[in-house]
Amino acid sequence: MIDFNEKRAERDGIITVKATLEHLLQNVEQIERVFSVVKLKDGTIKVSASDGSALEALGMLEVAKFDIVEDMYE
């Protein structure tokens, strides 16, 4: 079934939640560790991670913060 909202978002250059998750699933064999922060529709923030050290998770978050800040100034 074609999801017209997804197609419209893709056409407009919008990266949707569904597109992000599908991309990750398509590349799951290459992924060693995953760390996610999601905002639910009710505003609740949820955090989850695959197994690994807390220090590694913090490092991954620092890299994500750097990328986000860098994108803000481009």
N, C-alpha and C. Protein backbone atom coordinates (compact mmCIF):
# COMPACT_ATOMS: atom_id res chain seq x y z
N MET A 1 0.84 -1.17 0.00
CA MET A 1 0.00 0.00 0.00
C MET A 1 0.90 1.25 0.00
N ILE A 2 0.56 2.21 -0.81
CA ILE A 2 1.33 3.45 -0.92
C ILE A 2 0.88 4.41 0.18
N ASP A 3 1.86 4.94 0.91
CA ASP A 3 1.59 5.94 1.94
C ASP A 3 1.84 7.31 1.32
N PHE A 4 0.76 7.99 0.95
CA PHE A 4 0.89 9.26 0.25
C PHE A 4 1.55 10.34 1.12
N ASN A 5 1.33 10.29 2.42
CA ASN A 5 2.00 11.26 3.30
C ASN A 5 3.51 11.08 3.27
N GLU A 6 3.97 9.83 3.26
CA GLU A 6 5.40 9.55 3.17
C GLU A 6 5.97 10.01 1.84
N LYS A 7 5.25 9.73 0.76
CA LYS A 7 5.70 10.15 -0.58
C LYS A 7 5.78 11.66 -0.68
N ARG A 8 4.80 12.35 -0.13
CA ARG A 8 4.78 13.82 -0.16
C ARG A 8 5.95 14.36 0.65
N ALA A 9 6.19 13.78 1.80
CA ALA A 9 7.30 14.21 2.65
C ALA A 9 8.63 13.99 1.94
N GLU A 10 8.78 12.84 1.29
CA GLU A 10 10.01 12.53 0.55
C GLU A 10 10.22 13.56 -0.57
N ARG A 11 9.16 13.87 -1.30
CA ARG A 11 9.23 14.85 -2.38
C ARG A 11 9.65 16.21 -1.86
N ASP A 12 9.16 16.57 -0.67
CA ASP A 12 9.43 17.88 -0.08
C ASP A 12 10.74 17.91 0.72
N GLY A 13 11.46 16.79 0.75
CA GLY A 13 12.74 16.74 1.46
C GLY A 13 12.61 16.63 2.96
N ILE A 14 11.46 16.15 3.44
CA ILE A 14 11.22 15.99 4.87
C ILE A 14 11.59 14.56 5.28
N ILE A 15 12.37 14.44 6.33
CA ILE A 15 12.75 13.12 6.82
C ILE A 15 11.77 12.74 7.93
N THR A 16 10.94 11.75 7.68
CA THR A 16 9.92 11.34 8.63
C THR A 16 10.46 10.28 9.59
N VAL A 17 9.72 10.05 10.66
CA VAL A 17 10.06 9.00 11.62
C VAL A 17 10.11 7.65 10.90
N LYS A 18 9.09 7.38 10.10
CA LYS A 18 9.02 6.10 9.39
C LYS A 18 10.21 5.91 8.46
N ALA A 19 10.57 6.95 7.73
CA ALA A 19 11.71 6.87 6.80
C ALA A 19 13.01 6.62 7.56
N THR A 20 13.16 7.28 8.69
CA THR A 20 14.36 7.09 9.51
C THR A 20 14.48 5.66 9.99
N LEU A 21 13.39 5.13 10.53
CA LEU A 21 13.41 3.76 11.05
C LEU A 21 13.59 2.73 9.94
N GLU A 22 12.97 2.95 8.80
CA GLU A 22 13.15 2.03 7.66
C GLU A 22 14.60 2.02 7.20
N HIS A 23 15.22 3.20 7.15
CA HIS A 23 16.63 3.28 6.76
C HIS A 23 17.51 2.49 7.72
N LEU A 24 17.25 2.62 9.02
CA LEU A 24 18.03 1.87 10.01
C LEU A 24 17.82 0.37 9.84
N LEU A 25 16.59 -0.04 9.65
CA LEU A 25 16.32 -1.48 9.48
C LEU A 25 16.96 -2.04 8.22
N GLN A 26 17.02 -1.26 7.16
CA GLN A 26 17.66 -1.71 5.92
C GLN A 26 19.17 -1.91 6.11
N ASN A 27 19.74 -1.23 7.08
CA ASN A 27 21.18 -1.29 7.32
C ASN A 27 21.54 -1.94 8.65
N VAL A 28 20.61 -2.69 9.22
CA VAL A 28 20.78 -3.24 10.57
C VAL A 28 22.02 -4.13 10.69
N GLU A 29 22.42 -4.80 9.64
CA GLU A 29 23.58 -5.69 9.70
C GLU A 29 24.88 -4.92 9.89
N GLN A 30 24.88 -3.64 9.55
CA GLN A 30 26.08 -2.82 9.68
C GLN A 30 26.13 -2.06 11.01
N ILE A 31 25.06 -2.10 11.76
CA ILE A 31 24.96 -1.33 12.99
C ILE A 31 25.45 -2.16 14.17
N GLU A 32 26.42 -1.59 14.90
CA GLU A 32 26.99 -2.28 16.06
C GLU A 32 26.26 -1.91 17.34
N ARG A 33 25.85 -0.66 17.45
CA ARG A 33 25.18 -0.17 18.67
C ARG A 33 24.19 0.90 18.27
N VAL A 34 23.06 0.94 18.95
CA VAL A 34 22.06 1.95 18.67
C VAL A 34 21.63 2.60 19.98
N PHE A 35 21.43 3.90 19.89
CA PHE A 35 20.98 4.69 21.03
C PHE A 35 19.91 5.61 20.50
N SER A 36 18.74 5.60 21.12
CA SER A 36 17.66 6.43 20.58
C SER A 36 17.04 7.31 21.66
N VAL A 37 16.66 8.48 21.22
CA VAL A 37 15.90 9.40 22.04
C VAL A 37 14.69 9.77 21.20
N VAL A 38 13.49 9.48 21.72
CA VAL A 38 12.28 9.76 20.96
C VAL A 38 11.33 10.63 21.77
N LYS A 39 10.58 11.45 21.06
CA LYS A 39 9.54 12.26 21.69
C LYS A 39 8.20 11.71 21.23
N LEU A 40 7.41 11.25 22.19
CA LEU A 40 6.09 10.71 21.88
C LEU A 40 5.11 11.85 21.62
N LYS A 41 3.99 11.52 21.04
CA LYS A 41 2.99 12.54 20.70
C LYS A 41 2.46 13.28 21.92
N ASP A 42 2.54 12.66 23.09
CA ASP A 42 2.08 13.34 24.31
C ASP A 42 3.17 14.21 24.94
N GLY A 43 4.33 14.29 24.27
CA GLY A 43 5.43 15.12 24.75
C GLY A 43 6.44 14.39 25.60
N THR A 44 6.17 13.14 25.95
CA THR A 44 7.08 12.34 26.76
C THR A 44 8.35 12.02 25.97
N ILE A 45 9.49 12.15 26.63
CA ILE A 45 10.77 11.79 26.02
C ILE A 45 11.17 10.41 26.54
N LYS A 46 11.51 9.51 25.61
CA LYS A 46 11.93 8.15 25.97
C LYS A 46 13.34 7.91 25.43
N VAL A 47 14.15 7.20 26.19
CA VAL A 47 15.51 6.88 25.81
C VAL A 47 15.66 5.36 25.84
N SER A 48 16.33 4.82 24.84
CA SER A 48 16.63 3.39 24.84
C SER A 48 17.96 3.16 24.14
N ALA A 49 18.58 2.03 24.45
CA ALA A 49 19.87 1.71 23.85
C ALA A 49 20.06 0.21 23.82
N SER A 50 20.84 -0.22 22.83
CA SER A 50 21.26 -1.61 22.83
C SER A 50 22.36 -1.75 23.88
N ASP A 51 22.78 -2.97 24.14
CA ASP A 51 23.80 -3.21 25.17
C ASP A 51 25.10 -2.50 24.83
N GLY A 52 25.79 -2.07 25.86
CA GLY A 52 27.07 -1.40 25.72
C GLY A 52 27.33 -0.56 26.95
N SER A 53 28.47 0.09 26.97
CA SER A 53 28.85 0.85 28.16
C SER A 53 28.14 2.21 28.19
N ALA A 54 27.95 2.70 29.40
CA ALA A 54 27.35 4.02 29.58
C ALA A 54 28.28 5.09 29.02
N LEU A 55 29.58 4.90 29.15
CA LEU A 55 30.54 5.86 28.63
C LEU A 55 30.44 5.97 27.11
N GLU A 56 30.27 4.82 26.44
CA GLU A 56 30.11 4.84 24.99
C GLU A 56 28.82 5.56 24.60
N ALA A 57 27.75 5.33 25.34
CA ALA A 57 26.48 6.01 25.06
C ALA A 57 26.63 7.52 25.22
N LEU A 58 27.32 7.97 26.26
CA LEU A 58 27.55 9.39 26.44
C LEU A 58 28.38 9.98 25.30
N GLY A 59 29.37 9.23 24.85
CA GLY A 59 30.18 9.67 23.72
C GLY A 59 29.34 9.80 22.46
N MET A 60 28.45 8.84 22.24
CA MET A 60 27.57 8.90 21.07
C MET A 60 26.66 10.12 21.14
N LEU A 61 26.17 10.43 22.33
CA LEU A 61 25.32 11.61 22.50
C LEU A 61 26.10 12.90 22.24
N GLU A 62 27.35 12.94 22.65
CA GLU A 62 28.18 14.12 22.40
C GLU A 62 28.40 14.32 20.90
N VAL A 63 28.61 13.24 20.17
CA VAL A 63 28.76 13.33 18.71
C VAL A 63 27.46 13.85 18.09
N ALA A 64 26.33 13.33 18.57
CA ALA A 64 25.03 13.79 18.06
C ALA A 64 24.83 15.27 18.34
N LYS A 65 25.16 15.71 19.56
CA LYS A 65 25.04 17.13 19.91
C LYS A 65 25.89 17.98 18.98
N PHE A 66 27.12 17.57 18.74
CA PHE A 66 28.02 18.31 17.85
C PHE A 66 27.43 18.43 16.45
N ASP A 67 26.92 17.32 15.92
CA ASP A 67 26.32 17.33 14.57
C ASP A 67 25.12 18.26 14.50
N ILE A 68 24.28 18.25 15.52
CA ILE A 68 23.09 19.10 15.54
C ILE A 68 23.49 20.57 15.58
N VAL A 69 24.42 20.91 16.45
CA VAL A 69 24.87 22.30 16.57
C VAL A 69 25.52 22.74 15.26
N GLU A 70 26.34 21.89 14.68
CA GLU A 70 26.99 22.22 13.41
C GLU A 70 25.98 22.48 12.31
N ASP A 71 24.92 21.66 12.25
CA ASP A 71 23.87 21.84 11.24
C ASP A 71 23.12 23.15 11.44
N MET A 72 23.03 23.62 12.69
CA MET A 72 22.33 24.87 12.97
C MET A 72 23.01 26.06 12.32
N TYR A 73 24.32 25.98 12.11
CA TYR A 73 25.08 27.11 11.59
C TYR A 73 25.41 26.97 10.12
N GLU A 74 24.89 25.97 9.45
CA GLU A 74 25.13 25.81 8.01
C GLU A 74 24.07 26.54 7.21
